[in-house]
Amino acid sequence: MNRTTRFLSAMLMVASIGGRAASAQAAPSQLRRESIAKSSTSNPIPHAVSFREVQGRGLLVRTWVNGIGPFNFAIDTGAGATLISSRVASESRVKRASDRPASIAGLTGARTIAYHASLESLAIGEIENYLPAKGEVMITSGLPADLDGVLDPTEALAPLGYTIDIPGREFTAFDPRSEAVQMNQALLEGTVVTWLREAHGRRPFVMLDNGDRALIDTGSSLGLAMRDPNSSLRSAPSSARDVGGGQISTRRVSTSTISIGSLTLRRIPTDLVSGAEADAPVLLGLTALRPFRLRFDPLHRLIEIAQIEVPRRN
């Protein structure tokens, strides 16, 4: 039986398509990754790089795979694995970790074939700005034609932490042993909260004040997004196909006010998703996250969310 990996990151226009990078059958791989996270950092800290936001594709960073590139990869905290298109895998001579096919599925549960892979090197910003690249990597044919890959920073930088400064358009890595996020850190416009995880995965979830667990998903172009059990697929104005080929639709409703720890987010655009499976998680996508700098500490399992003021340009 093929192992199915479910993705719930947003790679297509308004859809959030990425997901769970491990299932119960993936426990050995998960244990391997946790062991890596506990080991000492053997790689130099990559230097900060800038990214650009492209409508419908997210936060794009120049990426080199096995010294070949640059390619356009979307920075996606909700993916659960770093995804490489079949074309890029061929050009950069990425080796399959096994010839045994797996499968990945999007929000709808539709599946497409994928293969676990191993990389010689992964670099962003510049050809020699290497990432540890010790986490989950998969080759898939389910990406849009104009997107070369998806970079899951939790997987690609393990065991390092990372910062995504969305207003400043800067991506930074740090060593959580020496630059730990502090739970009691005082932030004027922000909060530090526990990094909640799934049973078999490391994607970043946070607890909302209403009791919902929400996935922080920089790959999603949505705001506060949740499954709409009462809306038919035909009635939703925006639609796209997920990474497995299934169709989902979204409709924007009234804004919401939610709290994450001590931080209150007001007038957050809210999207209802049709066509998603019943257990699809609540998402916090780019439309909700755009004013914030996000700092992820995988060692201490903490997330800092700080509002950043962008200087006005004359």
C-alpha atoms as a PDB file:
ATOM      1  CA  MET A   1       0.000   0.000   0.000  1.00  0.00           C
ATOM      2  CA  ASN A   2       1.372   3.431  -0.909  1.00  0.00           C
ATOM      3  CA  ARG A   3       1.863   5.918   1.865  1.00  0.00           C
ATOM      4  CA  THR A   4      -0.291   8.996   1.480  1.00  0.00           C
ATOM      5  CA  THR A   5       1.013  12.399   2.495  1.00  0.00           C
ATOM      6  CA  ARG A   6      -1.654  15.098   2.842  1.00  0.00           C
ATOM      7  CA  PHE A   7      -0.718  18.661   1.985  1.00  0.00           C
ATOM      8  CA  LEU A   8      -2.608  21.775   2.911  1.00  0.00           C
ATOM      9  CA  SER A   9      -0.465  24.675   1.713  1.00  0.00           C
ATOM     10  CA  ALA A  10      -1.632  27.286  -0.743  1.00  0.00           C
ATOM     11  CA  MET A  11       0.020  26.961  -4.115  1.00  0.00           C
ATOM     12  CA  LEU A  12      -2.868  27.913  -6.352  1.00  0.00           C
ATOM     13  CA  MET A  13      -4.631  31.286  -6.636  1.00  0.00           C
ATOM     14  CA  VAL A  14      -7.033  31.447  -3.689  1.00  0.00           C
ATOM     15  CA  ALA A  15      -6.680  27.853  -2.539  1.00  0.00           C
ATOM     16  CA  SER A  16      -4.761  26.552   0.415  1.00  0.00           C
ATOM     17  CA  ILE A  17      -3.344  23.283  -0.682  1.00  0.00           C
ATOM     18  CA  GLY A  18      -0.547  21.939   1.411  1.00  0.00           C
ATOM     19  CA  GLY A  19      -0.739  19.696   4.390  1.00  0.00           C
ATOM     20  CA  ARG A  20       0.342  16.865   6.568  1.00  0.00           C
ATOM     21  CA  ALA A  21       3.741  15.564   5.591  1.00  0.00           C
ATOM     22  CA  ALA A  22       3.454  12.414   7.624  1.00  0.00           C
ATOM     23  CA  SER A  23       0.899   9.800   8.608  1.00  0.00           C
ATOM     24  CA  ALA A  24       0.974   7.006  11.157  1.00  0.00           C
ATOM     25  CA  GLN A  25       3.005   4.986   8.687  1.00  0.00           C
ATOM     26  CA  ALA A  26       5.614   7.759   8.653  1.00  0.00           C
ATOM     27  CA  ALA A  27       6.561   7.388  12.326  1.00  0.00           C
ATOM     28  CA  PRO A  28      10.139   6.147  11.668  1.00  0.00           C
ATOM     29  CA  SER A  29      10.810   9.186   9.478  1.00  0.00           C
ATOM     30  CA  GLN A  30       9.351  11.445  12.148  1.00  0.00           C
ATOM     31  CA  LEU A  31      11.569   9.911  14.812  1.00  0.00           C
ATOM     32  CA  ARG A  32      14.576  10.434  12.564  1.00  0.00           C
ATOM     33  CA  ARG A  33      13.736  14.117  12.135  1.00  0.00           C
ATOM     34  CA  GLU A  34      13.192  14.623  15.863  1.00  0.00           C
ATOM     35  CA  SER A  35      16.575  13.019  16.495  1.00  0.00           C
ATOM     36  CA  ILE A  36      18.165  15.487  14.086  1.00  0.00           C
ATOM     37  CA  ALA A  37      16.448  18.375  15.871  1.00  0.00           C
ATOM     38  CA  LYS A  38      18.021  17.295  19.151  1.00  0.00           C
ATOM     39  CA  SER A  39      21.506  17.017  17.714  1.00  0.00           C
ATOM     40  CA  SER A  40      24.003  19.842  17.534  1.00  0.00           C
ATOM     41  CA  THR A  41      23.878  22.228  14.604  1.00  0.00           C
ATOM     42  CA  SER A  42      26.589  21.164  12.165  1.00  0.00           C
ATOM     43  CA  ASN A  43      25.722  23.603   9.397  1.00  0.00           C
ATOM     44  CA  PRO A  44      26.665  27.292   9.292  1.00  0.00           C
ATOM     45  CA  ILE A  45      23.723  29.620   9.790  1.00  0.00           C
ATOM     46  CA  PRO A  46      22.452  30.724   6.345  1.00  0.00           C
ATOM     47  CA  HIS A  47      22.467  34.478   5.916  1.00  0.00           C
ATOM     48  CA  ALA A  48      19.260  36.473   5.559  1.00  0.00           C
ATOM     49  CA  VAL A  49      17.654  36.644   2.122  1.00  0.00           C
ATOM     50  CA  SER A  50      14.847  38.691   0.637  1.00  0.00           C
ATOM     51  CA  PHE A  51      11.746  37.283  -0.982  1.00  0.00           C
ATOM     52  CA  ARG A  52       9.034  38.752  -3.155  1.00  0.00           C
ATOM     53  CA  GLU A  53       5.295  38.289  -2.928  1.00  0.00           C
ATOM     54  CA  VAL A  54       3.552  37.260  -6.143  1.00  0.00           C
ATOM     55  CA  GLN A  55      -0.226  37.208  -6.227  1.00  0.00           C
ATOM     56  CA  GLY A  56      -1.528  33.682  -6.431  1.00  0.00           C
ATOM     57  CA  ARG A  57       1.876  32.120  -5.745  1.00  0.00           C
ATOM     58  CA  GLY A  58       2.861  33.523  -2.362  1.00  0.00           C
ATOM     59  CA  LEU A  59       6.294  34.394  -0.961  1.00  0.00           C
ATOM     60  CA  LEU A  60       8.850  33.445  -3.617  1.00  0.00           C
ATOM     61  CA  VAL A  61      12.563  32.972  -2.988  1.00  0.00           C
ATOM     62  CA  ARG A  62      15.355  32.190  -5.446  1.00  0.00           C
ATOM     63  CA  THR A  63      16.433  28.601  -4.824  1.00  0.00           C
ATOM     64  CA  TRP A  64      19.231  26.332  -6.028  1.00  0.00           C
ATOM     65  CA  VAL A  65      18.847  22.548  -5.907  1.00  0.00           C
ATOM     66  CA  ASN A  66      22.075  20.520  -6.063  1.00  0.00           C
ATOM     67  CA  GLY A  67      23.814  23.643  -7.378  1.00  0.00           C
ATOM     68  CA  ILE A  68      21.344  24.083 -10.264  1.00  0.00           C
ATOM     69  CA  GLY A  69      19.073  27.129 -10.532  1.00  0.00           C
ATOM     70  CA  PRO A  70      17.856  29.604  -9.666  1.00  0.00           C
ATOM     71  CA  PHE A  71      14.320  28.288  -9.351  1.00  0.00           C
ATOM     72  CA  ASN A  72      11.236  29.946  -7.846  1.00  0.00           C
ATOM     73  CA  PHE A  73      10.171  28.268  -4.603  1.00  0.00           C
ATOM     74  CA  ALA A  74       7.280  29.423  -2.413  1.00  0.00           C
ATOM     75  CA  ILE A  75       8.017  29.716   1.324  1.00  0.00           C
ATOM     76  CA  ASP A  76       5.231  27.646   2.834  1.00  0.00           C
ATOM     77  CA  THR A  77       5.017  26.903   6.558  1.00  0.00           C
ATOM     78  CA  GLY A  78       1.913  24.794   5.981  1.00  0.00           C
ATOM     79  CA  ALA A  79       3.322  22.309   3.483  1.00  0.00           C
ATOM     80  CA  GLY A  80       4.787  19.680   5.801  1.00  0.00           C
ATOM     81  CA  ALA A  81       7.587  18.874   3.328  1.00  0.00           C
ATOM     82  CA  THR A  82       9.732  20.590   0.738  1.00  0.00           C
ATOM     83  CA  LEU A  83       8.178  19.846  -2.658  1.00  0.00           C
ATOM     84  CA  ILE A  84      10.118  19.772  -5.921  1.00  0.00           C
ATOM     85  CA  SER A  85       8.491  19.622  -9.333  1.00  0.00           C
ATOM     86  CA  SER A  86       9.337  16.662 -11.561  1.00  0.00           C
ATOM     87  CA  ARG A  87      10.968  19.024 -14.057  1.00  0.00           C
ATOM     88  CA  VAL A  88      13.247  20.629 -11.465  1.00  0.00           C
ATOM     89  CA  ALA A  89      14.112  17.216 -10.029  1.00  0.00           C
ATOM     90  CA  SER A  90      15.217  16.089 -13.479  1.00  0.00           C
ATOM     91  CA  GLU A  91      17.238  19.245 -14.198  1.00  0.00           C
ATOM     92  CA  SER A  92      18.983  19.210 -10.822  1.00  0.00           C
ATOM     93  CA  ARG A  93      19.517  15.429 -10.735  1.00  0.00           C
ATOM     94  CA  VAL A  94      17.597  14.881  -7.526  1.00  0.00           C
ATOM     95  CA  LYS A  95      17.720  11.242  -6.475  1.00  0.00           C
ATOM     96  CA  ARG A  96      14.701   9.356  -5.261  1.00  0.00           C
ATOM     97  CA  ALA A  97      15.181   8.015  -1.767  1.00  0.00           C
ATOM     98  CA  SER A  98      13.163   4.989  -2.875  1.00  0.00           C
ATOM     99  CA  ASP A  99      11.530   3.776  -6.082  1.00  0.00           C
ATOM    100  CA  ARG A 100       8.455   2.938  -4.056  1.00  0.00           C
ATOM    101  CA  PRO A 101       5.830   5.570  -4.919  1.00  0.00           C
ATOM    102  CA  ALA A 102       3.965   7.489  -2.253  1.00  0.00           C
ATOM    103  CA  SER A 103       1.045   9.826  -2.822  1.00  0.00           C
ATOM    104  CA  ILE A 104       0.121  13.336  -1.744  1.00  0.00           C
ATOM    105  CA  ALA A 105      -3.350  14.736  -1.369  1.00  0.00           C
ATOM    106  CA  GLY A 106      -4.775  18.236  -1.028  1.00  0.00           C
ATOM    107  CA  LEU A 107      -7.739  19.596   0.868  1.00  0.00           C
ATOM    108  CA  THR A 108     -10.179  17.526  -1.175  1.00  0.00           C
ATOM    109  CA  GLY A 109      -8.453  14.206  -0.534  1.00  0.00           C
ATOM    110  CA  ALA A 110      -7.656  13.730  -4.231  1.00  0.00           C
ATOM    111  CA  ARG A 111      -4.268  12.051  -4.639  1.00  0.00           C
ATOM    112  CA  THR A 112      -1.321  12.256  -6.992  1.00  0.00           C
ATOM    113  CA  ILE A 113       1.850  10.168  -7.127  1.00  0.00           C
ATOM    114  CA  ALA A 114       4.989  11.485  -5.422  1.00  0.00           C
ATOM    115  CA  TYR A 115       8.401  10.151  -4.424  1.00  0.00           C
ATOM    116  CA  HIS A 116      10.537  10.745  -1.368  1.00  0.00           C
ATOM    117  CA  ALA A 117      13.846  12.288  -2.340  1.00  0.00           C
ATOM    118  CA  SER A 118      17.281  13.141  -0.996  1.00  0.00           C
ATOM    119  CA  LEU A 119      19.240  16.297  -1.850  1.00  0.00           C
ATOM    120  CA  GLU A 120      22.957  16.944  -2.117  1.00  0.00           C
ATOM    121  CA  SER A 121      22.403  20.649  -1.411  1.00  0.00           C
ATOM    122  CA  LEU A 122      19.685  23.267  -1.133  1.00  0.00           C
ATOM    123  CA  ALA A 123      20.472  26.998  -1.200  1.00  0.00           C
ATOM    124  CA  ILE A 124      18.391  30.178  -1.205  1.00  0.00           C
ATOM    125  CA  GLY A 125      19.150  33.769  -2.182  1.00  0.00           C
ATOM    126  CA  GLU A 126      22.600  32.841  -3.474  1.00  0.00           C
ATOM    127  CA  ILE A 127      24.010  29.617  -4.906  1.00  0.00           C
ATOM    128  CA  GLU A 128      26.210  28.952  -1.857  1.00  0.00           C
ATOM    129  CA  ASN A 129      23.813  30.085   0.882  1.00  0.00           C
ATOM    130  CA  TYR A 130      23.120  26.519   1.953  1.00  0.00           C
ATOM    131  CA  LEU A 131      20.302  25.211   4.120  1.00  0.00           C
ATOM    132  CA  PRO A 132      20.636  22.062   6.256  1.00  0.00           C
ATOM    133  CA  ALA A 133      17.946  20.368   4.076  1.00  0.00           C
ATOM    134  CA  LYS A 134      17.691  17.404   6.434  1.00  0.00           C
ATOM    135  CA  GLY A 135      13.900  17.242   6.565  1.00  0.00           C
ATOM    136  CA  GLU A 136      11.230  15.721   4.372  1.00  0.00           C
ATOM    137  CA  VAL A 137      11.611  16.259   0.589  1.00  0.00           C
ATOM    138  CA  MET A 138       9.232  14.972  -2.086  1.00  0.00           C
ATOM    139  CA  ILE A 139       9.103  15.055  -5.880  1.00  0.00           C
ATOM    140  CA  THR A 140       5.647  15.747  -7.284  1.00  0.00           C
ATOM    141  CA  SER A 141       3.973  16.518 -10.582  1.00  0.00           C
ATOM    142  CA  GLY A 142       1.101  18.324  -8.841  1.00  0.00           C
ATOM    143  CA  LEU A 143       2.588  21.849  -8.696  1.00  0.00           C
ATOM    144  CA  PRO A 144       1.454  24.677 -10.994  1.00  0.00           C
ATOM    145  CA  ALA A 145       3.548  24.969 -14.159  1.00  0.00           C
ATOM    146  CA  ASP A 146       4.987  28.357 -13.114  1.00  0.00           C
ATOM    147  CA  LEU A 147       6.035  27.220  -9.630  1.00  0.00           C
ATOM    148  CA  ASP A 148       9.269  25.215  -9.390  1.00  0.00           C
ATOM    149  CA  GLY A 149       8.875  24.075  -5.825  1.00  0.00           C
ATOM    150  CA  VAL A 150       7.669  24.697  -2.288  1.00  0.00           C
ATOM    151  CA  LEU A 151      10.108  25.344   0.553  1.00  0.00           C
ATOM    152  CA  ASP A 152       8.859  24.241   3.941  1.00  0.00           C
ATOM    153  CA  PRO A 153      11.254  26.139   6.250  1.00  0.00           C
ATOM    154  CA  THR A 154      10.629  23.866   9.226  1.00  0.00           C
ATOM    155  CA  GLU A 155      11.807  20.891   7.198  1.00  0.00           C
ATOM    156  CA  ALA A 156      14.483  22.610   5.088  1.00  0.00           C
ATOM    157  CA  LEU A 157      16.174  24.361   8.039  1.00  0.00           C
ATOM    158  CA  ALA A 158      15.881  21.695  10.744  1.00  0.00           C
ATOM    159  CA  PRO A 159      17.197  21.936  13.409  1.00  0.00           C
ATOM    160  CA  LEU A 160      17.460  25.714  12.973  1.00  0.00           C
ATOM    161  CA  GLY A 161      14.783  28.264  13.758  1.00  0.00           C
ATOM    162  CA  TYR A 162      13.677  30.900  11.275  1.00  0.00           C
ATOM    163  CA  THR A 163      12.028  34.292  10.932  1.00  0.00           C
ATOM    164  CA  ILE A 164       9.661  35.357   8.154  1.00  0.00           C
ATOM    165  CA  ASP A 165       9.379  39.139   8.162  1.00  0.00           C
ATOM    166  CA  ILE A 166       6.434  39.579   5.817  1.00  0.00           C
ATOM    167  CA  PRO A 167       6.338  43.436   5.784  1.00  0.00           C
ATOM    168  CA  GLY A 168      10.135  43.585   5.418  1.00  0.00           C
ATOM    169  CA  ARG A 169      10.158  40.707   2.914  1.00  0.00           C
ATOM    170  CA  GLU A 170      13.109  39.062   4.629  1.00  0.00           C
ATOM    171  CA  PHE A 171      13.734  35.443   5.568  1.00  0.00           C
ATOM    172  CA  THR A 172      16.279  34.734   8.325  1.00  0.00           C
ATOM    173  CA  ALA A 173      17.602  31.617  10.065  1.00  0.00           C
ATOM    174  CA  PHE A 174      18.847  31.417  13.654  1.00  0.00           C
ATOM    175  CA  ASP A 175      20.221  28.872  16.101  1.00  0.00           C
ATOM    176  CA  PRO A 176      17.542  28.338  18.789  1.00  0.00           C
ATOM    177  CA  ARG A 177      20.160  27.132  21.272  1.00  0.00           C
ATOM    178  CA  SER A 178      21.694  30.613  21.447  1.00  0.00           C
ATOM    179  CA  GLU A 179      18.836  32.833  20.202  1.00  0.00           C
ATOM    180  CA  ALA A 180      15.820  31.180  21.754  1.00  0.00           C
ATOM    181  CA  VAL A 181      12.353  32.686  21.574  1.00  0.00           C
ATOM    182  CA  GLN A 182      11.313  33.548  25.145  1.00  0.00           C
ATOM    183  CA  MET A 183       7.788  32.872  26.375  1.00  0.00           C
ATOM    184  CA  ASN A 184       7.966  35.801  28.818  1.00  0.00           C
ATOM    185  CA  GLN A 185       9.321  38.235  26.223  1.00  0.00           C
ATOM    186  CA  ALA A 186       7.504  41.562  26.360  1.00  0.00           C
ATOM    187  CA  LEU A 187       6.193  42.706  22.994  1.00  0.00           C
ATOM    188  CA  LEU A 188       4.333  45.972  22.541  1.00  0.00           C
ATOM    189  CA  GLU A 189       2.401  44.738  19.503  1.00  0.00           C
ATOM    190  CA  GLY A 190       2.734  40.993  19.536  1.00  0.00           C
ATOM    191  CA  THR A 191       2.755  37.742  21.456  1.00  0.00           C
ATOM    192  CA  VAL A 192       4.704  34.545  22.055  1.00  0.00           C
ATOM    193  CA  VAL A 193       2.647  31.340  22.012  1.00  0.00           C
ATOM    194  CA  THR A 194       3.167  27.601  22.131  1.00  0.00           C
ATOM    195  CA  TRP A 195       3.921  25.886  18.821  1.00  0.00           C
ATOM    196  CA  LEU A 196       1.281  23.157  18.687  1.00  0.00           C
ATOM    197  CA  ARG A 197       1.906  20.153  16.466  1.00  0.00           C
ATOM    198  CA  GLU A 198       0.069  17.232  14.989  1.00  0.00           C
ATOM    199  CA  ALA A 199       0.699  13.677  16.143  1.00  0.00           C
ATOM    200  CA  HIS A 200       2.879  12.937  13.098  1.00  0.00           C
ATOM    201  CA  GLY A 201       4.145  16.240  11.785  1.00  0.00           C
ATOM    202  CA  ARG A 202       5.840  19.519  12.649  1.00  0.00           C
ATOM    203  CA  ARG A 203       3.652  22.113  10.967  1.00  0.00           C
ATOM    204  CA  PRO A 204       3.053  25.192  13.169  1.00  0.00           C
ATOM    205  CA  PHE A 205      -0.365  25.379  14.804  1.00  0.00           C
ATOM    206  CA  VAL A 206      -1.495  27.940  17.388  1.00  0.00           C
ATOM    207  CA  MET A 207      -4.474  28.036  19.708  1.00  0.00           C
ATOM    208  CA  LEU A 208      -7.105  30.709  19.040  1.00  0.00           C
ATOM    209  CA  ASP A 209      -9.190  32.231  21.803  1.00  0.00           C
ATOM    210  CA  ASN A 210     -12.279  30.329  20.599  1.00  0.00           C
ATOM    211  CA  GLY A 211     -10.543  26.993  21.155  1.00  0.00           C
ATOM    212  CA  ASP A 212      -9.707  26.296  17.499  1.00  0.00           C
ATOM    213  CA  ARG A 213      -6.251  25.125  16.518  1.00  0.00           C
ATOM    214  CA  ALA A 214      -5.138  27.179  13.509  1.00  0.00           C
ATOM    215  CA  LEU A 215      -2.348  26.376  11.094  1.00  0.00           C
ATOM    216  CA  ILE A 216       0.002  29.292  10.354  1.00  0.00           C
ATOM    217  CA  ASP A 217       0.186  28.881   6.592  1.00  0.00           C
ATOM    218  CA  THR A 218       2.360  31.359   4.697  1.00  0.00           C
ATOM    219  CA  GLY A 219       1.604  29.399   1.539  1.00  0.00           C
ATOM    220  CA  SER A 220      -2.053  30.379   1.660  1.00  0.00           C
ATOM    221  CA  SER A 221      -3.414  33.538   0.066  1.00  0.00           C
ATOM    222  CA  LEU A 222      -6.487  33.346   2.307  1.00  0.00           C
ATOM    223  CA  GLY A 223      -7.176  35.135   5.586  1.00  0.00           C
ATOM    224  CA  LEU A 224      -8.829  33.227   8.414  1.00  0.00           C
ATOM    225  CA  ALA A 225     -10.024  30.179   6.488  1.00  0.00           C
ATOM    226  CA  MET A 226     -12.244  27.342   7.607  1.00  0.00           C
ATOM    227  CA  ARG A 227     -14.353  24.621   6.062  1.00  0.00           C
ATOM    228  CA  ASP A 228     -17.839  25.668   4.960  1.00  0.00           C
ATOM    229  CA  PRO A 229     -20.133  22.673   5.506  1.00  0.00           C
ATOM    230  CA  ASN A 230     -23.226  24.511   4.229  1.00  0.00           C
ATOM    231  CA  SER A 231     -21.947  25.937   0.951  1.00  0.00           C
ATOM    232  CA  SER A 232     -22.150  24.058  -2.340  1.00  0.00           C
ATOM    233  CA  LEU A 233     -19.132  24.015  -4.613  1.00  0.00           C
ATOM    234  CA  ARG A 234     -21.062  25.806  -7.352  1.00  0.00           C
ATOM    235  CA  SER A 235     -22.025  28.814  -5.254  1.00  0.00           C
ATOM    236  CA  ALA A 236     -18.505  29.850  -4.294  1.00  0.00           C
ATOM    237  CA  PRO A 237     -17.074  32.627  -6.517  1.00  0.00           C
ATOM    238  CA  SER A 238     -13.406  31.555  -6.463  1.00  0.00           C
ATOM    239  CA  SER A 239     -12.093  28.091  -7.195  1.00  0.00           C
ATOM    240  CA  ALA A 240      -8.837  26.282  -7.857  1.00  0.00           C
ATOM    241  CA  ARG A 241      -7.407  22.785  -7.974  1.00  0.00           C
ATOM    242  CA  ASP A 242      -5.359  21.441  -5.107  1.00  0.00           C
ATOM    243  CA  VAL A 243      -2.048  19.619  -5.344  1.00  0.00           C
ATOM    244  CA  GLY A 244      -3.846  16.299  -5.730  1.00  0.00           C
ATOM    245  CA  GLY A 245      -6.037  17.546  -8.586  1.00  0.00           C
ATOM    246  CA  GLY A 246      -9.248  18.014  -6.601  1.00  0.00           C
ATOM    247  CA  GLN A 247     -11.300  21.212  -6.865  1.00  0.00           C
ATOM    248  CA  ILE A 248     -11.978  23.534  -3.949  1.00  0.00           C
ATOM    249  CA  SER A 249     -13.839  26.827  -3.777  1.00  0.00           C
ATOM    250  CA  THR A 250     -13.794  29.778  -1.396  1.00  0.00           C
ATOM    251  CA  ARG A 251     -16.061  32.691  -0.605  1.00  0.00           C
ATOM    252  CA  ARG A 252     -15.188  35.763   1.443  1.00  0.00           C
ATOM    253  CA  VAL A 253     -17.559  36.562   4.312  1.00  0.00           C
ATOM    254  CA  SER A 254     -17.574  39.261   6.985  1.00  0.00           C
ATOM    255  CA  THR A 255     -14.364  40.041   8.858  1.00  0.00           C
ATOM    256  CA  SER A 256     -13.516  38.442  12.188  1.00  0.00           C
ATOM    257  CA  THR A 257     -11.756  39.419  15.388  1.00  0.00           C
ATOM    258  CA  ILE A 258      -9.607  36.705  16.935  1.00  0.00           C
ATOM    259  CA  SER A 259      -6.955  36.529  19.638  1.00  0.00           C
ATOM    260  CA  ILE A 260      -3.738  34.536  19.697  1.00  0.00           C
ATOM    261  CA  GLY A 261      -2.242  34.672  23.159  1.00  0.00           C
ATOM    262  CA  SER A 262      -2.145  38.350  24.180  1.00  0.00           C
ATOM    263  CA  LEU A 263      -2.450  39.569  20.563  1.00  0.00           C
ATOM    264  CA  THR A 264      -5.833  40.545  19.139  1.00  0.00           C
ATOM    265  CA  LEU A 265      -6.275  40.552  15.362  1.00  0.00           C
ATOM    266  CA  ARG A 266      -9.162  42.769  14.288  1.00  0.00           C
ATOM    267  CA  ARG A 267     -11.084  42.905  11.024  1.00  0.00           C
ATOM    268  CA  ILE A 268      -9.415  39.770   9.655  1.00  0.00           C
ATOM    269  CA  PRO A 269     -10.806  38.784   6.224  1.00  0.00           C
ATOM    270  CA  THR A 270     -12.555  35.456   6.638  1.00  0.00           C
ATOM    271  CA  ASP A 271     -12.914  32.776   3.958  1.00  0.00           C
ATOM    272  CA  LEU A 272     -15.174  29.736   3.883  1.00  0.00           C
ATOM    273  CA  VAL A 273     -13.783  26.783   1.935  1.00  0.00           C
ATOM    274  CA  SER A 274     -16.033  24.359   0.042  1.00  0.00           C
ATOM    275  CA  GLY A 275     -14.988  20.961  -1.226  1.00  0.00           C
ATOM    276  CA  ALA A 276     -12.517  20.365   1.617  1.00  0.00           C
ATOM    277  CA  GLU A 277     -12.483  17.210   3.697  1.00  0.00           C
ATOM    278  CA  ALA A 278     -14.274  17.228   7.031  1.00  0.00           C
ATOM    279  CA  ASP A 279     -11.049  17.280   9.078  1.00  0.00           C
ATOM    280  CA  ALA A 280      -9.423  20.180   7.196  1.00  0.00           C
ATOM    281  CA  PRO A 281      -7.868  22.532   9.778  1.00  0.00           C
ATOM    282  CA  VAL A 282      -8.523  26.219  10.302  1.00  0.00           C
ATOM    283  CA  LEU A 283      -5.906  28.303   8.488  1.00  0.00           C
ATOM    284  CA  LEU A 284      -4.272  31.668   9.067  1.00  0.00           C
ATOM    285  CA  GLY A 285      -3.043  32.640   5.607  1.00  0.00           C
ATOM    286  CA  LEU A 286      -1.138  35.574   4.172  1.00  0.00           C
ATOM    287  CA  THR A 287      -4.089  37.961   4.158  1.00  0.00           C
ATOM    288  CA  ALA A 288      -4.243  37.637   7.956  1.00  0.00           C
ATOM    289  CA  LEU A 289      -0.486  37.391   8.517  1.00  0.00           C
ATOM    290  CA  ARG A 290       0.745  40.190   6.230  1.00  0.00           C
ATOM    291  CA  PRO A 291       1.357  42.824   8.997  1.00  0.00           C
ATOM    292  CA  PHE A 292       3.498  40.474  11.084  1.00  0.00           C
ATOM    293  CA  ARG A 293       7.009  39.201  11.565  1.00  0.00           C
ATOM    294  CA  LEU A 294       6.840  35.511  12.447  1.00  0.00           C
ATOM    295  CA  ARG A 295       9.640  33.847  14.424  1.00  0.00           C
ATOM    296  CA  PHE A 296       9.597  30.056  14.792  1.00  0.00           C
ATOM    297  CA  ASP A 297      11.656  28.252  17.453  1.00  0.00           C
ATOM    298  CA  PRO A 298      11.413  24.471  16.809  1.00  0.00           C
ATOM    299  CA  LEU A 299      13.636  23.545  19.766  1.00  0.00           C
ATOM    300  CA  HIS A 300      11.528  25.245  22.438  1.00  0.00           C
ATOM    301  CA  ARG A 301       8.322  24.952  20.369  1.00  0.00           C
ATOM    302  CA  LEU A 302       7.470  28.626  20.571  1.00  0.00           C
ATOM    303  CA  ILE A 303       6.252  31.111  17.960  1.00  0.00           C
ATOM    304  CA  GLU A 304       6.659  34.870  18.176  1.00  0.00           C
ATOM    305  CA  ILE A 305       4.137  36.981  16.274  1.00  0.00           C
ATOM    306  CA  ALA A 306       5.054  40.674  16.193  1.00  0.00           C
ATOM    307  CA  GLN A 307       3.365  43.474  14.306  1.00  0.00           C
ATOM    308  CA  ILE A 308       5.806  45.500  12.230  1.00  0.00           C
ATOM    309  CA  GLU A 309       5.261  49.036  10.995  1.00  0.00           C
ATOM    310  CA  VAL A 310       6.480  49.562   7.459  1.00  0.00           C
ATOM    311  CA  PRO A 311       8.023  53.033   6.935  1.00  0.00           C
ATOM    312  CA  ARG A 312       6.094  55.168   4.489  1.00  0.00           C
ATOM    313  CA  ARG A 313       7.792  55.891   1.211  1.00  0.00           C
ATOM    314  CA  ASN A 314       7.902  59.470  -0.044  1.00  0.00           C
END
